[in-house]
All heavy atoms as atom14 arrays in JSON, in Angstrom:
{
  "sequence": "AFRGLAFYDARRIGYTYDVSKGGGRTSCVVYK",
  "atom14_mask": [
    [1, 1, 1, 1, 1, 0, 0, 0, 0, 0, 0, 0, 0, 0],
    [1, 1, 1, 1, 1, 1, 1, 1, 1, 1, 1, 0, 0, 0],
    [1, 1, 1, 1, 1, 1, 1, 1, 1, 1, 1, 0, 0, 0],
    [1, 1, 1, 1, 0, 0, 0, 0, 0, 0, 0, 0, 0, 0],
    [1, 1, 1, 1, 1, 1, 1, 1, 0, 0, 0, 0, 0, 0],
    [1, 1, 1, 1, 1, 0, 0, 0, 0, 0, 0, 0, 0, 0],
    [1, 1, 1, 1, 1, 1, 1, 1, 1, 1, 1, 0, 0, 0],
    [1, 1, 1, 1, 1, 1, 1, 1, 1, 1, 1, 1, 0, 0],
    [1, 1, 1, 1, 1, 1, 1, 1, 0, 0, 0, 0, 0, 0],
    [1, 1, 1, 1, 1, 0, 0, 0, 0, 0, 0, 0, 0, 0],
    [1, 1, 1, 1, 1, 1, 1, 1, 1, 1, 1, 0, 0, 0],
    [1, 1, 1, 1, 1, 1, 1, 1, 1, 1, 1, 0, 0, 0],
    [1, 1, 1, 1, 1, 1, 1, 1, 0, 0, 0, 0, 0, 0],
    [1, 1, 1, 1, 0, 0, 0, 0, 0, 0, 0, 0, 0, 0],
    [1, 1, 1, 1, 1, 1, 1, 1, 1, 1, 1, 1, 0, 0],
    [1, 1, 1, 1, 1, 1, 1, 0, 0, 0, 0, 0, 0, 0],
    [1, 1, 1, 1, 1, 1, 1, 1, 1, 1, 1, 1, 0, 0],
    [1, 1, 1, 1, 1, 1, 1, 1, 0, 0, 0, 0, 0, 0],
    [1, 1, 1, 1, 1, 1, 1, 0, 0, 0, 0, 0, 0, 0],
    [1, 1, 1, 1, 1, 1, 0, 0, 0, 0, 0, 0, 0, 0],
    [1, 1, 1, 1, 1, 1, 1, 1, 1, 0, 0, 0, 0, 0],
    [1, 1, 1, 1, 0, 0, 0, 0, 0, 0, 0, 0, 0, 0],
    [1, 1, 1, 1, 0, 0, 0, 0, 0, 0, 0, 0, 0, 0],
    [1, 1, 1, 1, 0, 0, 0, 0, 0, 0, 0, 0, 0, 0],
    [1, 1, 1, 1, 1, 1, 1, 1, 1, 1, 1, 0, 0, 0],
    [1, 1, 1, 1, 1, 1, 1, 0, 0, 0, 0, 0, 0, 0],
    [1, 1, 1, 1, 1, 1, 0, 0, 0, 0, 0, 0, 0, 0],
    [1, 1, 1, 1, 1, 1, 0, 0, 0, 0, 0, 0, 0, 0],
    [1, 1, 1, 1, 1, 1, 1, 0, 0, 0, 0, 0, 0, 0],
    [1, 1, 1, 1, 1, 1, 1, 0, 0, 0, 0, 0, 0, 0],
    [1, 1, 1, 1, 1, 1, 1, 1, 1, 1, 1, 1, 0, 0],
    [1, 1, 1, 1, 1, 1, 1, 1, 1, 0, 0, 0, 0, 0]
  ],
  "atom14_positions": [
    [[0.83, -1.21, 0.0], [0.0, 0.0, 0.0], [0.87, 1.25, 0.0], [1.88, 1.32, 0.69], [-0.91, 0.01, 1.22], [0.0, 0.0, 0.0], [0.0, 0.0, 0.0], [0.0, 0.0, 0.0], [0.0, 0.0, 0.0], [0.0, 0.0, 0.0], [0.0, 0.0, 0.0], [0.0, 0.0, 0.0], [0.0, 0.0, 0.0], [0.0, 0.0, 0.0]],
    [[0.48, 2.23, -0.79], [1.15, 3.54, -0.88], [2.57, 3.44, -1.46], [3.39, 4.33, -1.22], [1.19, 4.24, 0.49], [-0.18, 4.49, 1.07], [-0.72, 3.66, 2.02], [-0.93, 5.58, 0.64], [-1.98, 3.89, 2.55], [-2.2, 5.82, 1.16], [-2.72, 4.98, 2.11], [0.0, 0.0, 0.0], [0.0, 0.0, 0.0], [0.0, 0.0, 0.0]],
    [[2.85, 2.4, -2.22], [4.17, 2.28, -2.84], [4.14, 2.51, -4.35], [5.08, 2.16, -5.07], [4.8, 0.92, -2.51], [5.01, 0.73, -1.02], [5.93, -0.4, -0.7], [5.94, -0.68, 0.74], [6.68, -1.6, 1.33], [7.51, -2.33, 0.61], [6.62, -1.79, 2.63], [0.0, 0.0, 0.0], [0.0, 0.0, 0.0], [0.0, 0.0, 0.0]],
    [[3.03, 3.07, -4.84], [2.97, 3.46, -6.24], [2.73, 2.32, -7.21], [3.02, 2.46, -8.4], [0.0, 0.0, 0.0], [0.0, 0.0, 0.0], [0.0, 0.0, 0.0], [0.0, 0.0, 0.0], [0.0, 0.0, 0.0], [0.0, 0.0, 0.0], [0.0, 0.0, 0.0], [0.0, 0.0, 0.0], [0.0, 0.0, 0.0], [0.0, 0.0, 0.0]],
    [[2.18, 1.2, -6.75], [2.0, 0.04, -7.61], [0.53, -0.32, -7.84], [0.23, -1.12, -8.73], [2.71, -1.17, -7.0], [4.23, -1.02, -6.83], [4.78, -2.15, -5.96], [4.92, -1.01, -8.18], [0.0, 0.0, 0.0], [0.0, 0.0, 0.0], [0.0, 0.0, 0.0], [0.0, 0.0, 0.0], [0.0, 0.0, 0.0], [0.0, 0.0, 0.0]],
    [[-0.37, 0.27, -7.08], [-1.77, -0.16, -7.1], [-2.43, 0.04, -8.46], [-3.2, -0.81, -8.93], [-2.57, 0.56, -6.02], [0.0, 0.0, 0.0], [0.0, 0.0, 0.0], [0.0, 0.0, 0.0], [0.0, 0.0, 0.0], [0.0, 0.0, 0.0], [0.0, 0.0, 0.0], [0.0, 0.0, 0.0], [0.0, 0.0, 0.0], [0.0, 0.0, 0.0]],
    [[-2.15, 1.17, -9.13], [-2.78, 1.41, -10.43], [-2.35, 0.34, -11.44], [-3.17, -0.17, -12.21], [-2.44, 2.8, -10.97], [-2.87, 2.98, -12.41], [-4.18, 3.25, -12.72], [-1.96, 2.84, -13.45], [-4.6, 3.39, -14.04], [-2.36, 2.97, -14.77], [-3.67, 3.25, -15.07], [0.0, 0.0, 0.0], [0.0, 0.0, 0.0], [0.0, 0.0, 0.0]],
    [[-1.06, 0.02, -11.44], [-0.55, -0.94, -12.41], [-1.13, -2.33, -12.16], [-1.41, -3.08, -13.1], [0.98, -0.96, -12.38], [1.55, 0.41, -12.64], [2.01, 1.21, -11.61], [1.57, 0.93, -13.93], [2.49, 2.48, -11.83], [2.05, 2.2, -14.18], [2.51, 2.98, -13.13], [2.97, 4.24, -13.36], [0.0, 0.0, 0.0], [0.0, 0.0, 0.0]],
    [[-1.33, -2.67, -10.89], [-1.99, -3.94, -10.57], [-3.44, -3.93, -11.04], [-3.92, -4.9, -11.63], [-1.94, -4.2, -9.06], [-0.57, -4.69, -8.59], [0.28, -5.01, -9.46], [-0.35, -4.74, -7.37], [0.0, 0.0, 0.0], [0.0, 0.0, 0.0], [0.0, 0.0, 0.0], [0.0, 0.0, 0.0], [0.0, 0.0, 0.0], [0.0, 0.0, 0.0]],
    [[-4.14, -2.83, -10.79], [-5.54, -2.73, -11.21], [-5.66, -2.81, -12.72], [-6.59, -3.42, -13.25], [-6.15, -1.43, -10.69], [0.0, 0.0, 0.0], [0.0, 0.0, 0.0], [0.0, 0.0, 0.0], [0.0, 0.0, 0.0], [0.0, 0.0, 0.0], [0.0, 0.0, 0.0], [0.0, 0.0, 0.0], [0.0, 0.0, 0.0], [0.0, 0.0, 0.0]],
    [[-4.7, -2.2, -13.42], [-4.75, -2.22, -14.89], [-4.53, -3.63, -15.43], [-5.27, -4.08, -16.31], [-3.67, -1.27, -15.45], [-3.66, -1.19, -16.97], [-2.65, -0.19, -17.47], [-1.28, -0.61, -17.2], [-0.2, 0.12, -17.49], [-0.35, 1.32, -18.04], [1.01, -0.33, -17.23], [0.0, 0.0, 0.0], [0.0, 0.0, 0.0], [0.0, 0.0, 0.0]],
    [[-3.54, -4.35, -14.9], [-3.27, -5.68, -15.46], [-4.35, -6.69, -15.05], [-4.61, -7.65, -15.78], [-1.87, -6.15, -15.09], [-1.57, -6.35, -13.63], [-0.05, -6.38, -13.37], [0.25, -6.66, -11.97], [0.45, -7.87, -11.48], [0.39, -8.92, -12.28], [0.72, -8.05, -10.21], [0.0, 0.0, 0.0], [0.0, 0.0, 0.0], [0.0, 0.0, 0.0]],
    [[-5.01, -6.46, -13.88], [-6.13, -7.32, -13.5], [-7.34, -7.04, -14.38], [-8.16, -7.92, -14.64], [-6.49, -7.1, -12.01], [-5.37, -7.65, -11.13], [-7.82, -7.76, -11.65], [-5.5, -7.26, -9.67], [0.0, 0.0, 0.0], [0.0, 0.0, 0.0], [0.0, 0.0, 0.0], [0.0, 0.0, 0.0], [0.0, 0.0, 0.0], [0.0, 0.0, 0.0]],
    [[-7.46, -5.8, -14.86], [-8.58, -5.42, -15.73], [-9.57, -4.5, -15.07], [-10.54, -4.06, -15.69], [0.0, 0.0, 0.0], [0.0, 0.0, 0.0], [0.0, 0.0, 0.0], [0.0, 0.0, 0.0], [0.0, 0.0, 0.0], [0.0, 0.0, 0.0], [0.0, 0.0, 0.0], [0.0, 0.0, 0.0], [0.0, 0.0, 0.0], [0.0, 0.0, 0.0]],
    [[-9.36, -4.16, -13.79], [-10.29, -3.29, -13.08], [-10.47, -1.93, -13.74], [-11.55, -1.33, -13.68], [-9.8, -3.06, -11.64], [-9.96, -4.23, -10.7], [-9.33, -4.22, -9.45], [-10.73, -5.34, -11.03], [-9.46, -5.29, -8.57], [-10.86, -6.41, -10.16], [-10.23, -6.37, -8.93], [-10.36, -7.42, -8.06], [0.0, 0.0, 0.0], [0.0, 0.0, 0.0]],
    [[-9.42, -1.38, -14.33], [-9.45, 0.0, -14.8], [-10.26, 0.18, -16.07], [-10.55, 1.31, -16.46], [-8.03, 0.53, -15.04], [-7.38, -0.29, -16.03], [-7.22, 0.52, -13.75], [0.0, 0.0, 0.0], [0.0, 0.0, 0.0], [0.0, 0.0, 0.0], [0.0, 0.0, 0.0], [0.0, 0.0, 0.0], [0.0, 0.0, 0.0], [0.0, 0.0, 0.0]],
    [[-10.62, -0.91, -16.73], [-11.35, -0.79, -17.99], [-12.87, -0.73, -17.76], [-13.36, -1.12, -16.7], [-10.99, -1.97, -18.92], [-9.55, -1.96, -19.3], [-8.62, -2.79, -18.67], [-9.07, -1.07, -20.27], [-7.28, -2.75, -19.0], [-7.73, -1.02, -20.61], [-6.84, -1.86, -19.98], [-5.51, -1.81, -20.3], [0.0, 0.0, 0.0], [0.0, 0.0, 0.0]],
    [[-13.58, -0.27, -18.77], [-15.03, -0.11, -18.67], [-15.72, -1.46, -18.45], [-15.29, -2.49, -18.99], [-15.56, 0.54, -19.95], [-16.99, 1.0, -19.8], [-17.21, 2.13, -19.34], [-17.9, 0.22, -20.13], [0.0, 0.0, 0.0], [0.0, 0.0, 0.0], [0.0, 0.0, 0.0], [0.0, 0.0, 0.0], [0.0, 0.0, 0.0], [0.0, 0.0, 0.0]],
    [[-16.78, -1.42, -17.65], [-17.55, -2.64, -17.37], [-18.03, -3.29, -18.66], [-18.05, -4.52, -18.78], [-18.73, -2.33, -16.43], [-19.7, -3.49, -16.37], [-18.22, -1.99, -15.03], [0.0, 0.0, 0.0], [0.0, 0.0, 0.0], [0.0, 0.0, 0.0], [0.0, 0.0, 0.0], [0.0, 0.0, 0.0], [0.0, 0.0, 0.0], [0.0, 0.0, 0.0]],
    [[-18.41, -2.48, -19.64], [-18.91, -3.01, -20.91], [-17.85, -3.8, -21.67], [-18.16, -4.6, -22.55], [-19.43, -1.87, -21.8], [-18.35, -1.02, -22.19], [0.0, 0.0, 0.0], [0.0, 0.0, 0.0], [0.0, 0.0, 0.0], [0.0, 0.0, 0.0], [0.0, 0.0, 0.0], [0.0, 0.0, 0.0], [0.0, 0.0, 0.0], [0.0, 0.0, 0.0]],
    [[-16.57, -3.6, -21.31], [-15.47, -4.33, -21.95], [-14.93, -5.43, -21.05], [-13.85, -5.98, -21.31], [-14.35, -3.35, -22.31], [-14.79, -2.27, -23.31], [-13.66, -1.29, -23.59], [-14.11, -0.21, -24.58], [-13.04, 0.79, -24.83], [0.0, 0.0, 0.0], [0.0, 0.0, 0.0], [0.0, 0.0, 0.0], [0.0, 0.0, 0.0], [0.0, 0.0, 0.0]],
    [[-15.65, -5.73, -19.97], [-15.22, -6.79, -19.07], [-14.43, -6.3, -17.88], [-13.92, -7.09, -17.09], [0.0, 0.0, 0.0], [0.0, 0.0, 0.0], [0.0, 0.0, 0.0], [0.0, 0.0, 0.0], [0.0, 0.0, 0.0], [0.0, 0.0, 0.0], [0.0, 0.0, 0.0], [0.0, 0.0, 0.0], [0.0, 0.0, 0.0], [0.0, 0.0, 0.0]],
    [[-14.31, -4.97, -17.75], [-13.54, -4.4, -16.66], [-14.39, -4.1, -15.44], [-15.45, -4.69, -15.23], [0.0, 0.0, 0.0], [0.0, 0.0, 0.0], [0.0, 0.0, 0.0], [0.0, 0.0, 0.0], [0.0, 0.0, 0.0], [0.0, 0.0, 0.0], [0.0, 0.0, 0.0], [0.0, 0.0, 0.0], [0.0, 0.0, 0.0], [0.0, 0.0, 0.0]],
    [[-13.91, -3.17, -14.62], [-14.61, -2.82, -13.39], [-14.31, -3.8, -12.28], [-13.65, -4.82, -12.46], [0.0, 0.0, 0.0], [0.0, 0.0, 0.0], [0.0, 0.0, 0.0], [0.0, 0.0, 0.0], [0.0, 0.0, 0.0], [0.0, 0.0, 0.0], [0.0, 0.0, 0.0], [0.0, 0.0, 0.0], [0.0, 0.0, 0.0], [0.0, 0.0, 0.0]],
    [[-14.82, -3.49, -11.09], [-14.61, -4.35, -9.92], [-15.95, -4.61, -9.25], [-16.76, -3.69, -9.07], [-13.65, -3.67, -8.94], [-13.37, -4.5, -7.7], [-12.4, -3.83, -6.75], [-12.31, -4.58, -5.49], [-11.6, -4.21, -4.43], [-10.9, -3.08, -4.47], [-11.58, -4.94, -3.35], [0.0, 0.0, 0.0], [0.0, 0.0, 0.0], [0.0, 0.0, 0.0]],
    [[-16.17, -5.86, -8.87], [-17.43, -6.24, -8.23], [-17.22, -6.46, -6.73], [-16.1, -6.48, -6.24], [-17.98, -7.53, -8.87], [-17.02, -8.59, -8.71], [-18.26, -7.33, -10.35], [0.0, 0.0, 0.0], [0.0, 0.0, 0.0], [0.0, 0.0, 0.0], [0.0, 0.0, 0.0], [0.0, 0.0, 0.0], [0.0, 0.0, 0.0], [0.0, 0.0, 0.0]],
    [[-18.32, -6.63, -6.03], [-18.33, -6.93, -4.58], [-17.59, -5.86, -3.78], [-16.87, -6.16, -2.82], [-17.72, -8.31, -4.3], [-18.41, -9.31, -5.01], [0.0, 0.0, 0.0], [0.0, 0.0, 0.0], [0.0, 0.0, 0.0], [0.0, 0.0, 0.0], [0.0, 0.0, 0.0], [0.0, 0.0, 0.0], [0.0, 0.0, 0.0], [0.0, 0.0, 0.0]],
    [[-17.77, -4.61, -4.15], [-17.09, -3.5, -3.48], [-17.93, -2.95, -2.33], [-19.16, -2.91, -2.4], [-16.83, -2.36, -4.47], [-15.7, -2.8, -5.78], [0.0, 0.0, 0.0], [0.0, 0.0, 0.0], [0.0, 0.0, 0.0], [0.0, 0.0, 0.0], [0.0, 0.0, 0.0], [0.0, 0.0, 0.0], [0.0, 0.0, 0.0], [0.0, 0.0, 0.0]],
    [[-17.24, -2.5, -1.29], [-17.9, -1.81, -0.18], [-17.97, -0.32, -0.51], [-16.96, 0.29, -0.86], [-17.15, -2.02, 1.14], [-17.78, -1.19, 2.25], [-17.13, -3.5, 1.51], [0.0, 0.0, 0.0], [0.0, 0.0, 0.0], [0.0, 0.0, 0.0], [0.0, 0.0, 0.0], [0.0, 0.0, 0.0], [0.0, 0.0, 0.0], [0.0, 0.0, 0.0]],
    [[-19.15, 0.24, -0.41], [-19.37, 1.65, -0.71], [-20.17, 2.28, 0.43], [-21.22, 1.75, 0.83], [-20.13, 1.83, -2.05], [-20.66, 3.24, -2.19], [-19.23, 1.48, -3.22], [0.0, 0.0, 0.0], [0.0, 0.0, 0.0], [0.0, 0.0, 0.0], [0.0, 0.0, 0.0], [0.0, 0.0, 0.0], [0.0, 0.0, 0.0], [0.0, 0.0, 0.0]],
    [[-19.66, 3.38, 0.97], [-20.36, 4.13, 2.02], [-20.91, 5.39, 1.36], [-20.17, 6.26, 0.94], [-19.38, 4.49, 3.14], [-20.01, 5.11, 4.36], [-21.11, 4.53, 4.99], [-19.48, 6.28, 4.91], [-21.66, 5.09, 6.12], [-20.03, 6.85, 6.05], [-21.12, 6.25, 6.65], [-21.67, 6.81, 7.78], [0.0, 0.0, 0.0], [0.0, 0.0, 0.0]],
    [[-22.22, 5.47, 1.26], [-22.83, 6.54, 0.5], [-22.91, 7.84, 1.31], [-22.82, 7.83, 2.54], [-24.22, 6.13, 0.04], [-24.22, 4.92, -0.89], [-25.63, 4.58, -1.34], [-25.66, 3.36, -2.23], [-27.04, 3.02, -2.66], [0.0, 0.0, 0.0], [0.0, 0.0, 0.0], [0.0, 0.0, 0.0], [0.0, 0.0, 0.0], [0.0, 0.0, 0.0]]
  ]
}
């Protein structure tokens, strides 16, 4: 955490791409 690697991990996992293209992240906790 906080070592500058999280974006690159999210990108290679596919989280950073649009849901319509198979990206996004599910089962997330959100405090509205």
